[in-house]
Amino acid sequence: MTYRAILAASAALSFCLASAAASAQTADKSIALSNNYAGNSWRQAMINSWEEVTGKAVEDGIVGSADAFTTAENSATEQAAQLQNMILQGYDAIVLNSASPTALNGAVKEACDAGITVVSFDGVVTEPCAWRIAVDFKKMGSDQIEYLAERYPDGGKLLEIRGLPGTSVDEEIHAGIVEGVKAHPQFEVVREVQGDWTQTVAQKSVASVLASLPEVVGVVTQGGDGYGAAQAFKAAGREVPTIIMGNRHDELTWWKEQKDANGYETFSQSIAPGVSTLAFWVAQQILDGKDVPKDLVVPTLRIDQDGLAEGLEMTPEGGVTNQEYTQDQAAELISSAQ
């Protein structure tokens, strides 16, 4: 065996021993998912990703358990009670998709004081003891206006579809849209409606304002609402404006049909539902004693006009374009953030 081969074998053995030691340190640890809402395809994909990845981690002996819980209503009060139950049950870590950036801070602090690691993602919390994993949602909002400014240099009127009220995601995307309009004052948001990140709610909300809505050049969105908006415009017999999509299969399918029929142009973006698996691995790494920065940022998944066919192909029917994360990818993200 050559010296180089001996070194390679030694390195491989060291990696295996380190992995085994890491697994041994967290093999008896329990991690819980606290989720505030499951009423759309993104949240359902998020839970499915969690169950698939954590189920394998439990089977491999990396953690002892990884239970998932979702509140019946999108209620910060109900979710706070759920967190308090998790504290009593003695979980070692809680991975949290929060109903509010601030309303759960008290319950989160109780968990931290009980020695429980709290990792928030998507809907993050501001309590300093917790970790946060999020995309730059504000940029998701401003990017929509930047795109429309390229398409429509003279500007125009816009319809904005908001997400779940009170969540950090809704507030930050909206703030980005406001910032984008300020930078491009040729645009004006003439109406806001609530879509709850769900196409059925978005369709009903958009339909309710179309009779009094002036001509708009674009619809700025938050995800899960694009197809519903398109159906509302179609049902009202109005020309469909440029609607920003959110990586849902129904949106991408409709966009492809319109592109093939008349050259319809837009783009689509969203955070991957599998970010829940990244939050799981981050929690596992913290329990394993790793030094992890309090704030981690992950990119959005964006589909542009020339990537539509590929994006649609990788998106399951009825689902959302997704990416699930491995333990190694979590470790790499942590390392790059330090």
C-alpha atoms as a PDB file:
ATOM      1  CA  MET A   1       0.000   0.000   0.000  1.00  0.00           C
ATOM      2  CA  THR A   2       1.384   3.417  -0.989  1.00  0.00           C
ATOM      3  CA  TYR A   3       1.862   6.243   1.480  1.00  0.00           C
ATOM      4  CA  ARG A   4      -0.897   8.191  -0.243  1.00  0.00           C
ATOM      5  CA  ALA A   5      -3.233   5.210   0.023  1.00  0.00           C
ATOM      6  CA  ILE A   6      -2.393   4.798   3.715  1.00  0.00           C
ATOM      7  CA  LEU A   7      -3.214   8.479   4.308  1.00  0.00           C
ATOM      8  CA  ALA A   8      -6.491   8.146   2.429  1.00  0.00           C
ATOM      9  CA  ALA A   9      -7.445   5.042   4.382  1.00  0.00           C
ATOM     10  CA  SER A  10      -6.508   6.742   7.634  1.00  0.00           C
ATOM     11  CA  ALA A  11      -8.595   9.791   6.756  1.00  0.00           C
ATOM     12  CA  ALA A  12     -11.561   7.599   5.847  1.00  0.00           C
ATOM     13  CA  LEU A  13     -11.239   5.687   9.108  1.00  0.00           C
ATOM     14  CA  SER A  14     -11.026   8.950  11.076  1.00  0.00           C
ATOM     15  CA  PHE A  15     -14.163  10.226   9.346  1.00  0.00           C
ATOM     16  CA  CYS A  16     -16.040   7.008  10.132  1.00  0.00           C
ATOM     17  CA  LEU A  17     -14.922   7.083  13.759  1.00  0.00           C
ATOM     18  CA  ALA A  18     -15.919  10.767  14.043  1.00  0.00           C
ATOM     19  CA  SER A  19     -19.321  10.022  12.501  1.00  0.00           C
ATOM     20  CA  ALA A  20     -19.825   7.076  14.841  1.00  0.00           C
ATOM     21  CA  ALA A  21     -18.862   9.229  17.834  1.00  0.00           C
ATOM     22  CA  ALA A  22     -21.236  11.969  16.699  1.00  0.00           C
ATOM     23  CA  SER A  23     -24.047   9.445  16.327  1.00  0.00           C
ATOM     24  CA  ALA A  24     -23.295   7.982  19.744  1.00  0.00           C
ATOM     25  CA  GLN A  25     -23.521  11.407  21.360  1.00  0.00           C
ATOM     26  CA  THR A  26     -26.996  12.101  19.972  1.00  0.00           C
ATOM     27  CA  ALA A  27     -28.339   8.550  19.618  1.00  0.00           C
ATOM     28  CA  ASP A  28     -30.545   8.946  22.690  1.00  0.00           C
ATOM     29  CA  LYS A  29     -31.594  12.526  21.960  1.00  0.00           C
ATOM     30  CA  SER A  30     -35.192  13.446  21.148  1.00  0.00           C
ATOM     31  CA  ILE A  31     -36.069  16.204  18.680  1.00  0.00           C
ATOM     32  CA  ALA A  32     -39.604  17.512  18.039  1.00  0.00           C
ATOM     33  CA  LEU A  33     -41.048  19.556  15.194  1.00  0.00           C
ATOM     34  CA  SER A  34     -43.525  22.271  16.246  1.00  0.00           C
ATOM     35  CA  ASN A  35     -45.466  23.462  13.200  1.00  0.00           C
ATOM     36  CA  ASN A  36     -48.234  26.049  13.244  1.00  0.00           C
ATOM     37  CA  TYR A  37     -50.023  25.332   9.966  1.00  0.00           C
ATOM     38  CA  ALA A  38     -50.443  22.523   7.425  1.00  0.00           C
ATOM     39  CA  GLY A  39     -53.156  23.894   5.148  1.00  0.00           C
ATOM     40  CA  ASN A  40     -51.246  24.124   1.870  1.00  0.00           C
ATOM     41  CA  SER A  41     -49.017  22.005  -0.357  1.00  0.00           C
ATOM     42  CA  TRP A  42     -45.799  23.677   0.846  1.00  0.00           C
ATOM     43  CA  ARG A  43     -46.452  22.822   4.502  1.00  0.00           C
ATOM     44  CA  GLN A  44     -47.491  19.281   3.606  1.00  0.00           C
ATOM     45  CA  ALA A  45     -44.284  18.809   1.619  1.00  0.00           C
ATOM     46  CA  MET A  46     -42.337  20.282   4.534  1.00  0.00           C
ATOM     47  CA  ILE A  47     -43.806  17.710   6.944  1.00  0.00           C
ATOM     48  CA  ASN A  48     -43.289  14.857   4.468  1.00  0.00           C
ATOM     49  CA  SER A  49     -39.628  15.834   4.033  1.00  0.00           C
ATOM     50  CA  TRP A  50     -39.191  15.957   7.806  1.00  0.00           C
ATOM     51  CA  GLU A  51     -40.699  12.502   8.274  1.00  0.00           C
ATOM     52  CA  GLU A  52     -38.655  10.939   5.479  1.00  0.00           C
ATOM     53  CA  VAL A  53     -35.273  12.336   6.530  1.00  0.00           C
ATOM     54  CA  THR A  54     -35.720  12.075  10.299  1.00  0.00           C
ATOM     55  CA  GLY A  55     -37.178   8.592  10.007  1.00  0.00           C
ATOM     56  CA  LYS A  56     -33.939   7.467   8.348  1.00  0.00           C
ATOM     57  CA  ALA A  57     -31.883   9.291  11.020  1.00  0.00           C
ATOM     58  CA  VAL A  58     -33.760   7.432  13.777  1.00  0.00           C
ATOM     59  CA  GLU A  59     -33.370   4.134  11.922  1.00  0.00           C
ATOM     60  CA  ASP A  60     -29.611   4.772  11.575  1.00  0.00           C
ATOM     61  CA  GLY A  61     -29.293   5.487  15.301  1.00  0.00           C
ATOM     62  CA  ILE A  62     -28.267   9.140  14.856  1.00  0.00           C
ATOM     63  CA  VAL A  63     -31.093  10.365  17.115  1.00  0.00           C
ATOM     64  CA  GLY A  64     -33.541   8.566  19.353  1.00  0.00           C
ATOM     65  CA  SER A  65     -36.747  10.153  18.050  1.00  0.00           C
ATOM     66  CA  ALA A  66     -37.973  12.985  15.835  1.00  0.00           C
ATOM     67  CA  ASP A  67     -41.700  13.513  16.375  1.00  0.00           C
ATOM     68  CA  ALA A  68     -43.740  16.029  14.361  1.00  0.00           C
ATOM     69  CA  PHE A  69     -46.655  18.069  15.736  1.00  0.00           C
ATOM     70  CA  THR A  70     -48.940  20.587  13.998  1.00  0.00           C
ATOM     71  CA  THR A  71     -51.447  22.827  15.753  1.00  0.00           C
ATOM     72  CA  ALA A  72     -55.085  22.657  14.643  1.00  0.00           C
ATOM     73  CA  GLU A  73     -55.217  26.409  13.990  1.00  0.00           C
ATOM     74  CA  ASN A  74     -52.657  29.023  12.979  1.00  0.00           C
ATOM     75  CA  SER A  75     -52.662  30.353  16.524  1.00  0.00           C
ATOM     76  CA  ALA A  76     -49.653  31.638  18.472  1.00  0.00           C
ATOM     77  CA  THR A  77     -51.516  30.910  21.728  1.00  0.00           C
ATOM     78  CA  GLU A  78     -52.139  27.291  20.730  1.00  0.00           C
ATOM     79  CA  GLN A  79     -48.563  26.850  19.551  1.00  0.00           C
ATOM     80  CA  ALA A  80     -47.205  28.319  22.799  1.00  0.00           C
ATOM     81  CA  ALA A  81     -49.214  25.681  24.671  1.00  0.00           C
ATOM     82  CA  GLN A  82     -47.783  23.034  22.352  1.00  0.00           C
ATOM     83  CA  LEU A  83     -44.249  24.212  23.179  1.00  0.00           C
ATOM     84  CA  GLN A  84     -44.983  24.059  26.895  1.00  0.00           C
ATOM     85  CA  ASN A  85     -46.181  20.454  26.480  1.00  0.00           C
ATOM     86  CA  MET A  86     -42.930  19.642  24.688  1.00  0.00           C
ATOM     87  CA  ILE A  87     -40.977  21.121  27.597  1.00  0.00           C
ATOM     88  CA  LEU A  88     -42.881  18.869  30.015  1.00  0.00           C
ATOM     89  CA  GLN A  89     -42.261  15.854  27.784  1.00  0.00           C
ATOM     90  CA  GLY A  90     -38.518  16.483  28.048  1.00  0.00           C
ATOM     91  CA  TYR A  91     -37.466  16.867  24.426  1.00  0.00           C
ATOM     92  CA  ASP A  92     -33.785  17.716  23.946  1.00  0.00           C
ATOM     93  CA  ALA A  93     -34.446  20.024  20.978  1.00  0.00           C
ATOM     94  CA  ILE A  94     -37.439  21.696  19.352  1.00  0.00           C
ATOM     95  CA  VAL A  95     -37.448  22.623  15.678  1.00  0.00           C
ATOM     96  CA  LEU A  96     -39.988  25.404  15.296  1.00  0.00           C
ATOM     97  CA  ASN A  97     -41.935  26.874  12.381  1.00  0.00           C
ATOM     98  CA  SER A  98     -43.526  29.733  14.267  1.00  0.00           C
ATOM     99  CA  ALA A  99     -46.908  31.418  13.981  1.00  0.00           C
ATOM    100  CA  SER A 100     -45.324  34.721  15.049  1.00  0.00           C
ATOM    101  CA  PRO A 101     -41.818  36.190  15.274  1.00  0.00           C
ATOM    102  CA  THR A 102     -42.510  37.572  18.762  1.00  0.00           C
ATOM    103  CA  ALA A 103     -45.630  36.016  20.336  1.00  0.00           C
ATOM    104  CA  LEU A 104     -43.862  32.717  21.065  1.00  0.00           C
ATOM    105  CA  ASN A 105     -40.742  34.279  22.564  1.00  0.00           C
ATOM    106  CA  GLY A 106     -41.909  33.634  26.126  1.00  0.00           C
ATOM    107  CA  ALA A 107     -42.477  29.921  25.505  1.00  0.00           C
ATOM    108  CA  VAL A 108     -39.201  29.680  23.586  1.00  0.00           C
ATOM    109  CA  LYS A 109     -37.343  31.271  26.511  1.00  0.00           C
ATOM    110  CA  GLU A 110     -38.982  28.744  28.871  1.00  0.00           C
ATOM    111  CA  ALA A 111     -37.681  25.946  26.653  1.00  0.00           C
ATOM    112  CA  CYS A 112     -34.163  27.404  26.590  1.00  0.00           C
ATOM    113  CA  ASP A 113     -34.202  27.844  30.375  1.00  0.00           C
ATOM    114  CA  ALA A 114     -35.120  24.153  30.646  1.00  0.00           C
ATOM    115  CA  GLY A 115     -31.988  23.276  28.669  1.00  0.00           C
ATOM    116  CA  ILE A 116     -33.811  22.606  25.400  1.00  0.00           C
ATOM    117  CA  THR A 117     -32.234  23.646  22.088  1.00  0.00           C
ATOM    118  CA  VAL A 118     -34.688  25.638  19.930  1.00  0.00           C
ATOM    119  CA  VAL A 119     -34.072  26.017  16.187  1.00  0.00           C
ATOM    120  CA  SER A 120     -36.631  28.148  14.327  1.00  0.00           C
ATOM    121  CA  PHE A 121     -36.930  28.063  10.530  1.00  0.00           C
ATOM    122  CA  ASP A 122     -39.133  29.611   7.849  1.00  0.00           C
ATOM    123  CA  GLY A 123     -41.336  31.369  10.447  1.00  0.00           C
ATOM    124  CA  VAL A 124     -38.506  32.358  12.770  1.00  0.00           C
ATOM    125  CA  VAL A 125     -38.599  33.858  16.283  1.00  0.00           C
ATOM    126  CA  THR A 126     -36.670  36.827  17.657  1.00  0.00           C
ATOM    127  CA  GLU A 127     -35.897  35.352  21.101  1.00  0.00           C
ATOM    128  CA  PRO A 128     -32.055  35.556  21.355  1.00  0.00           C
ATOM    129  CA  CYS A 129     -31.650  32.073  22.854  1.00  0.00           C
ATOM    130  CA  ALA A 130     -33.081  30.434  19.706  1.00  0.00           C
ATOM    131  CA  TRP A 131     -31.357  29.687  16.412  1.00  0.00           C
ATOM    132  CA  ARG A 132     -32.856  30.946  13.146  1.00  0.00           C
ATOM    133  CA  ILE A 133     -32.759  29.466   9.623  1.00  0.00           C
ATOM    134  CA  ALA A 134     -34.392  31.540   6.904  1.00  0.00           C
ATOM    135  CA  VAL A 135     -34.065  32.805   3.398  1.00  0.00           C
ATOM    136  CA  ASP A 136     -33.882  36.521   2.762  1.00  0.00           C
ATOM    137  CA  PHE A 137     -37.646  36.904   2.500  1.00  0.00           C
ATOM    138  CA  LYS A 138     -37.350  40.664   2.122  1.00  0.00           C
ATOM    139  CA  LYS A 139     -35.278  40.088  -1.007  1.00  0.00           C
ATOM    140  CA  MET A 140     -37.962  37.693  -2.267  1.00  0.00           C
ATOM    141  CA  GLY A 141     -40.316  40.668  -2.222  1.00  0.00           C
ATOM    142  CA  SER A 142     -37.971  43.239  -3.767  1.00  0.00           C
ATOM    143  CA  ASP A 143     -36.842  40.769  -6.463  1.00  0.00           C
ATOM    144  CA  GLN A 144     -40.407  40.684  -7.781  1.00  0.00           C
ATOM    145  CA  ILE A 145     -40.417  44.442  -8.317  1.00  0.00           C
ATOM    146  CA  GLU A 146     -36.941  44.315  -9.903  1.00  0.00           C
ATOM    147  CA  TYR A 147     -38.205  41.716 -12.359  1.00  0.00           C
ATOM    148  CA  LEU A 148     -41.325  43.718 -13.201  1.00  0.00           C
ATOM    149  CA  ALA A 149     -39.220  46.881 -13.657  1.00  0.00           C
ATOM    150  CA  GLU A 150     -37.264  45.088 -16.378  1.00  0.00           C
ATOM    151  CA  ARG A 151     -40.453  43.851 -18.033  1.00  0.00           C
ATOM    152  CA  TYR A 152     -42.381  47.112 -17.707  1.00  0.00           C
ATOM    153  CA  PRO A 153     -39.971  50.089 -17.647  1.00  0.00           C
ATOM    154  CA  ASP A 154     -42.912  52.518 -17.635  1.00  0.00           C
ATOM    155  CA  GLY A 155     -44.343  50.827 -14.550  1.00  0.00           C
ATOM    156  CA  GLY A 156     -48.000  50.336 -13.786  1.00  0.00           C
ATOM    157  CA  LYS A 157     -50.452  49.273 -11.119  1.00  0.00           C
ATOM    158  CA  LEU A 158     -49.956  46.109  -9.056  1.00  0.00           C
ATOM    159  CA  LEU A 159     -52.094  43.760  -6.987  1.00  0.00           C
ATOM    160  CA  GLU A 160     -50.403  42.276  -3.903  1.00  0.00           C
ATOM    161  CA  ILE A 161     -51.430  38.914  -2.418  1.00  0.00           C
ATOM    162  CA  ARG A 162     -50.361  38.619   1.231  1.00  0.00           C
ATOM    163  CA  GLY A 163     -49.670  35.410   3.195  1.00  0.00           C
ATOM    164  CA  LEU A 164     -50.643  34.281   6.682  1.00  0.00           C
ATOM    165  CA  PRO A 165     -51.221  37.385   8.852  1.00  0.00           C
ATOM    166  CA  GLY A 166     -48.800  37.915  11.718  1.00  0.00           C
ATOM    167  CA  THR A 167     -46.053  35.623  10.460  1.00  0.00           C
ATOM    168  CA  SER A 168     -42.501  36.843   9.923  1.00  0.00           C
ATOM    169  CA  VAL A 169     -42.557  35.493   6.353  1.00  0.00           C
ATOM    170  CA  ASP A 170     -45.582  37.587   5.381  1.00  0.00           C
ATOM    171  CA  GLU A 171     -44.209  40.717   7.003  1.00  0.00           C
ATOM    172  CA  GLU A 172     -40.755  40.424   5.446  1.00  0.00           C
ATOM    173  CA  ILE A 173     -41.928  39.659   1.889  1.00  0.00           C
ATOM    174  CA  HIS A 174     -44.348  42.572   2.123  1.00  0.00           C
ATOM    175  CA  ALA A 175     -41.558  44.843   3.392  1.00  0.00           C
ATOM    176  CA  GLY A 176     -39.448  43.831   0.387  1.00  0.00           C
ATOM    177  CA  ILE A 177     -42.274  44.688  -2.003  1.00  0.00           C
ATOM    178  CA  VAL A 178     -42.704  48.087  -0.327  1.00  0.00           C
ATOM    179  CA  GLU A 179     -38.954  48.675  -0.610  1.00  0.00           C
ATOM    180  CA  GLY A 180     -38.977  47.652  -4.280  1.00  0.00           C
ATOM    181  CA  VAL A 181     -41.836  50.025  -5.111  1.00  0.00           C
ATOM    182  CA  LYS A 182     -40.011  52.821  -3.315  1.00  0.00           C
ATOM    183  CA  ALA A 183     -36.991  52.164  -5.547  1.00  0.00           C
ATOM    184  CA  HIS A 184     -39.250  52.018  -8.645  1.00  0.00           C
ATOM    185  CA  PRO A 185     -41.967  54.629  -8.028  1.00  0.00           C
ATOM    186  CA  GLN A 186     -43.415  54.054 -11.497  1.00  0.00           C
ATOM    187  CA  PHE A 187     -45.214  51.137  -9.837  1.00  0.00           C
ATOM    188  CA  GLU A 188     -48.109  51.415  -7.404  1.00  0.00           C
ATOM    189  CA  VAL A 189     -49.715  48.670  -5.319  1.00  0.00           C
ATOM    190  CA  VAL A 190     -53.384  49.587  -5.664  1.00  0.00           C
ATOM    191  CA  ARG A 191     -54.844  46.724  -3.611  1.00  0.00           C
ATOM    192  CA  GLU A 192     -53.786  44.081  -1.092  1.00  0.00           C
ATOM    193  CA  VAL A 193     -55.687  40.835  -0.522  1.00  0.00           C
ATOM    194  CA  GLN A 194     -55.044  37.909   1.788  1.00  0.00           C
ATOM    195  CA  GLY A 195     -54.115  34.590   0.172  1.00  0.00           C
ATOM    196  CA  ASP A 196     -52.867  32.483   3.119  1.00  0.00           C
ATOM    197  CA  TRP A 197     -50.290  30.882   0.741  1.00  0.00           C
ATOM    198  CA  THR A 198     -53.156  28.770  -0.626  1.00  0.00           C
ATOM    199  CA  GLN A 199     -54.517  28.892  -4.161  1.00  0.00           C
ATOM    200  CA  THR A 200     -58.179  28.406  -3.156  1.00  0.00           C
ATOM    201  CA  VAL A 201     -58.074  31.306  -0.677  1.00  0.00           C
ATOM    202  CA  ALA A 202     -56.129  33.460  -3.144  1.00  0.00           C
ATOM    203  CA  GLN A 203     -58.619  32.786  -5.946  1.00  0.00           C
ATOM    204  CA  LYS A 204     -61.554  33.788  -3.750  1.00  0.00           C
ATOM    205  CA  SER A 205     -59.799  36.909  -2.447  1.00  0.00           C
ATOM    206  CA  VAL A 206     -58.711  38.089  -5.892  1.00  0.00           C
ATOM    207  CA  ALA A 207     -62.152  37.401  -7.374  1.00  0.00           C
ATOM    208  CA  SER A 208     -63.749  39.539  -4.652  1.00  0.00           C
ATOM    209  CA  VAL A 209     -61.854  42.688  -5.738  1.00  0.00           C
ATOM    210  CA  LEU A 210     -61.677  42.311  -9.519  1.00  0.00           C
ATOM    211  CA  ALA A 211     -64.867  44.267 -10.193  1.00  0.00           C
ATOM    212  CA  SER A 212     -63.348  47.401  -8.644  1.00  0.00           C
ATOM    213  CA  LEU A 213     -59.717  46.715  -9.576  1.00  0.00           C
ATOM    214  CA  PRO A 214     -58.166  48.890 -12.296  1.00  0.00           C
ATOM    215  CA  GLU A 215     -55.962  47.326 -14.956  1.00  0.00           C
ATOM    216  CA  VAL A 216     -52.821  45.921 -13.368  1.00  0.00           C
ATOM    217  CA  VAL A 217     -49.591  44.910 -15.073  1.00  0.00           C
ATOM    218  CA  GLY A 218     -48.501  42.512 -12.349  1.00  0.00           C
ATOM    219  CA  VAL A 219     -49.513  40.467  -9.324  1.00  0.00           C
ATOM    220  CA  VAL A 220     -46.875  40.198  -6.599  1.00  0.00           C
ATOM    221  CA  THR A 221     -47.221  37.151  -4.407  1.00  0.00           C
ATOM    222  CA  GLN A 222     -45.781  35.051  -1.590  1.00  0.00           C
ATOM    223  CA  GLY A 223     -46.179  31.478  -2.864  1.00  0.00           C
ATOM    224  CA  GLY A 224     -49.091  29.103  -3.321  1.00  0.00           C
ATOM    225  CA  ASP A 225     -51.286  31.881  -4.653  1.00  0.00           C
ATOM    226  CA  GLY A 226     -50.321  32.322  -8.318  1.00  0.00           C
ATOM    227  CA  TYR A 227     -52.575  29.693  -9.864  1.00  0.00           C
ATOM    228  CA  GLY A 228     -55.572  30.870  -7.856  1.00  0.00           C
ATOM    229  CA  ALA A 229     -54.975  34.448  -9.007  1.00  0.00           C
ATOM    230  CA  ALA A 230     -54.770  33.331 -12.630  1.00  0.00           C
ATOM    231  CA  GLN A 231     -58.054  31.421 -12.347  1.00  0.00           C
ATOM    232  CA  ALA A 232     -59.771  34.452 -10.803  1.00  0.00           C
ATOM    233  CA  PHE A 233     -58.709  36.719 -13.695  1.00  0.00           C
ATOM    234  CA  LYS A 234     -59.736  34.093 -16.247  1.00  0.00           C
ATOM    235  CA  ALA A 235     -63.166  33.568 -14.643  1.00  0.00           C
ATOM    236  CA  ALA A 236     -63.776  37.330 -14.695  1.00  0.00           C
ATOM    237  CA  GLY A 237     -62.920  37.489 -18.390  1.00  0.00           C
ATOM    238  CA  ARG A 238     -59.964  39.779 -17.752  1.00  0.00           C
ATOM    239  CA  GLU A 239     -56.538  39.569 -19.341  1.00  0.00           C
ATOM    240  CA  VAL A 240     -54.159  37.786 -16.997  1.00  0.00           C
ATOM    241  CA  PRO A 241     -51.309  40.089 -15.934  1.00  0.00           C
ATOM    242  CA  THR A 242     -47.779  38.955 -15.075  1.00  0.00           C
ATOM    243  CA  ILE A 243     -48.207  36.845 -11.934  1.00  0.00           C
ATOM    244  CA  ILE A 244     -45.134  35.873  -9.932  1.00  0.00           C
ATOM    245  CA  MET A 245     -45.335  32.147  -9.168  1.00  0.00           C
ATOM    246  CA  GLY A 246     -44.284  30.138  -6.094  1.00  0.00           C
ATOM    247  CA  ASN A 247     -42.916  26.770  -7.354  1.00  0.00           C
ATOM    248  CA  ARG A 248     -46.181  24.845  -6.930  1.00  0.00           C
ATOM    249  CA  HIS A 249     -46.965  22.187  -9.516  1.00  0.00           C
ATOM    250  CA  ASP A 250     -50.315  23.730 -10.471  1.00  0.00           C
ATOM    251  CA  GLU A 251     -48.659  27.125 -11.037  1.00  0.00           C
ATOM    252  CA  LEU A 252     -45.822  25.734 -13.126  1.00  0.00           C
ATOM    253  CA  THR A 253     -48.206  23.583 -15.183  1.00  0.00           C
ATOM    254  CA  TRP A 254     -50.453  26.584 -15.916  1.00  0.00           C
ATOM    255  CA  TRP A 255     -47.424  28.747 -16.759  1.00  0.00           C
ATOM    256  CA  LYS A 256     -46.093  26.080 -19.185  1.00  0.00           C
ATOM    257  CA  GLU A 257     -49.483  25.859 -20.896  1.00  0.00           C
ATOM    258  CA  GLN A 258     -49.641  29.652 -21.299  1.00  0.00           C
ATOM    259  CA  LYS A 259     -46.023  29.868 -22.427  1.00  0.00           C
ATOM    260  CA  ASP A 260     -46.632  27.256 -25.128  1.00  0.00           C
ATOM    261  CA  ALA A 261     -49.899  28.909 -26.198  1.00  0.00           C
ATOM    262  CA  ASN A 262     -48.981  32.596 -26.215  1.00  0.00           C
ATOM    263  CA  GLY A 263     -45.458  33.103 -24.869  1.00  0.00           C
ATOM    264  CA  TYR A 264     -46.556  34.070 -21.341  1.00  0.00           C
ATOM    265  CA  GLU A 265     -43.554  35.187 -19.262  1.00  0.00           C
ATOM    266  CA  THR A 266     -42.900  35.282 -15.530  1.00  0.00           C
ATOM    267  CA  PHE A 267     -40.639  33.682 -12.929  1.00  0.00           C
ATOM    268  CA  SER A 268     -41.173  31.490  -9.884  1.00  0.00           C
ATOM    269  CA  GLN A 269     -39.465  31.375  -6.485  1.00  0.00           C
ATOM    270  CA  SER A 270     -39.904  29.842  -3.051  1.00  0.00           C
ATOM    271  CA  ILE A 271     -38.019  28.484  -0.081  1.00  0.00           C
ATOM    272  CA  ALA A 272     -37.639  24.696  -0.366  1.00  0.00           C
ATOM    273  CA  PRO A 273     -40.047  22.840   1.964  1.00  0.00           C
ATOM    274  CA  GLY A 274     -37.125  20.561   2.807  1.00  0.00           C
ATOM    275  CA  VAL A 275     -35.609  23.390   4.854  1.00  0.00           C
ATOM    276  CA  SER A 276     -37.281  21.541   7.746  1.00  0.00           C
ATOM    277  CA  THR A 277     -34.668  18.803   7.278  1.00  0.00           C
ATOM    278  CA  LEU A 278     -31.883  21.375   7.400  1.00  0.00           C
ATOM    279  CA  ALA A 279     -33.301  22.658  10.702  1.00  0.00           C
ATOM    280  CA  PHE A 280     -33.364  19.080  12.002  1.00  0.00           C
ATOM    281  CA  TRP A 281     -29.705  18.524  11.162  1.00  0.00           C
ATOM    282  CA  VAL A 282     -28.732  21.895  12.646  1.00  0.00           C
ATOM    283  CA  ALA A 283     -30.473  20.902  15.891  1.00  0.00           C
ATOM    284  CA  GLN A 284     -28.662  17.547  15.817  1.00  0.00           C
ATOM    285  CA  GLN A 285     -25.323  19.274  15.290  1.00  0.00           C
ATOM    286  CA  ILE A 286     -25.961  21.622  18.231  1.00  0.00           C
ATOM    287  CA  LEU A 287     -26.865  18.664  20.459  1.00  0.00           C
ATOM    288  CA  ASP A 288     -23.643  17.050  19.266  1.00  0.00           C
ATOM    289  CA  GLY A 289     -21.691  19.992  20.682  1.00  0.00           C
ATOM    290  CA  LYS A 290     -20.944  21.848  17.465  1.00  0.00           C
ATOM    291  CA  ASP A 291     -20.540  25.644  17.551  1.00  0.00           C
ATOM    292  CA  VAL A 292     -23.379  26.943  15.364  1.00  0.00           C
ATOM    293  CA  PRO A 293     -24.040  30.626  14.535  1.00  0.00           C
ATOM    294  CA  LYS A 294     -27.433  31.856  15.717  1.00  0.00           C
ATOM    295  CA  ASP A 295     -28.477  32.957  12.221  1.00  0.00           C
ATOM    296  CA  LEU A 296     -28.153  30.864   9.074  1.00  0.00           C
ATOM    297  CA  VAL A 297     -29.386  31.892   5.622  1.00  0.00           C
ATOM    298  CA  VAL A 298     -30.352  29.543   2.776  1.00  0.00           C
ATOM    299  CA  PRO A 299     -31.058  30.561  -0.830  1.00  0.00           C
ATOM    300  CA  THR A 300     -34.449  30.395  -2.508  1.00  0.00           C
ATOM    301  CA  LEU A 301     -35.210  27.990  -5.328  1.00  0.00           C
ATOM    302  CA  ARG A 302     -35.871  30.157  -8.392  1.00  0.00           C
ATOM    303  CA  ILE A 303     -37.221  29.059 -11.773  1.00  0.00           C
ATOM    304  CA  ASP A 304     -36.839  31.435 -14.713  1.00  0.00           C
ATOM    305  CA  GLN A 305     -38.432  31.321 -18.160  1.00  0.00           C
ATOM    306  CA  ASP A 306     -35.738  29.172 -19.757  1.00  0.00           C
ATOM    307  CA  GLY A 307     -35.691  26.747 -16.819  1.00  0.00           C
ATOM    308  CA  LEU A 308     -39.443  26.149 -16.651  1.00  0.00           C
ATOM    309  CA  ALA A 309     -39.489  22.703 -18.304  1.00  0.00           C
ATOM    310  CA  GLU A 310     -36.738  21.421 -15.998  1.00  0.00           C
ATOM    311  CA  GLY A 311     -38.376  22.983 -12.937  1.00  0.00           C
ATOM    312  CA  LEU A 312     -41.720  21.383 -13.764  1.00  0.00           C
ATOM    313  CA  GLU A 313     -40.094  18.007 -14.332  1.00  0.00           C
ATOM    314  CA  MET A 314     -38.530  18.023 -10.847  1.00  0.00           C
ATOM    315  CA  THR A 315     -41.763  19.127  -9.110  1.00  0.00           C
ATOM    316  CA  PRO A 316     -44.127  16.327  -8.002  1.00  0.00           C
ATOM    317  CA  GLU A 317     -47.747  16.520  -9.138  1.00  0.00           C
ATOM    318  CA  GLY A 318     -49.747  18.357  -6.495  1.00  0.00           C
ATOM    319  CA  GLY A 319     -46.518  19.339  -4.736  1.00  0.00           C
ATOM    320  CA  VAL A 320     -43.757  21.925  -4.580  1.00  0.00           C
ATOM    321  CA  THR A 321     -40.268  22.143  -6.044  1.00  0.00           C
ATOM    322  CA  ASN A 322     -38.158  20.804  -3.213  1.00  0.00           C
ATOM    323  CA  GLN A 323     -34.712  20.060  -1.836  1.00  0.00           C
ATOM    324  CA  GLU A 324     -33.985  17.919   1.202  1.00  0.00           C
ATOM    325  CA  TYR A 325     -30.752  18.338   3.150  1.00  0.00           C
ATOM    326  CA  THR A 326     -28.171  15.891   4.451  1.00  0.00           C
ATOM    327  CA  GLN A 327     -26.133  16.015   7.640  1.00  0.00           C
ATOM    328  CA  ASP A 328     -23.040  16.870   5.566  1.00  0.00           C
ATOM    329  CA  GLN A 329     -24.828  19.772   3.860  1.00  0.00           C
ATOM    330  CA  ALA A 330     -25.887  21.138   7.248  1.00  0.00           C
ATOM    331  CA  ALA A 331     -22.318  20.885   8.503  1.00  0.00           C
ATOM    332  CA  GLU A 332     -21.071  22.676   5.372  1.00  0.00           C
ATOM    333  CA  LEU A 333     -23.595  25.508   5.794  1.00  0.00           C
ATOM    334  CA  ILE A 334     -22.616  25.893   9.451  1.00  0.00           C
ATOM    335  CA  SER A 335     -18.928  25.974   8.541  1.00  0.00           C
ATOM    336  CA  SER A 336     -19.426  28.563   5.779  1.00  0.00           C
ATOM    337  CA  ALA A 337     -21.340  30.851   8.172  1.00  0.00           C
ATOM    338  CA  GLN A 338     -18.589  30.948  10.798  1.00  0.00           C
END
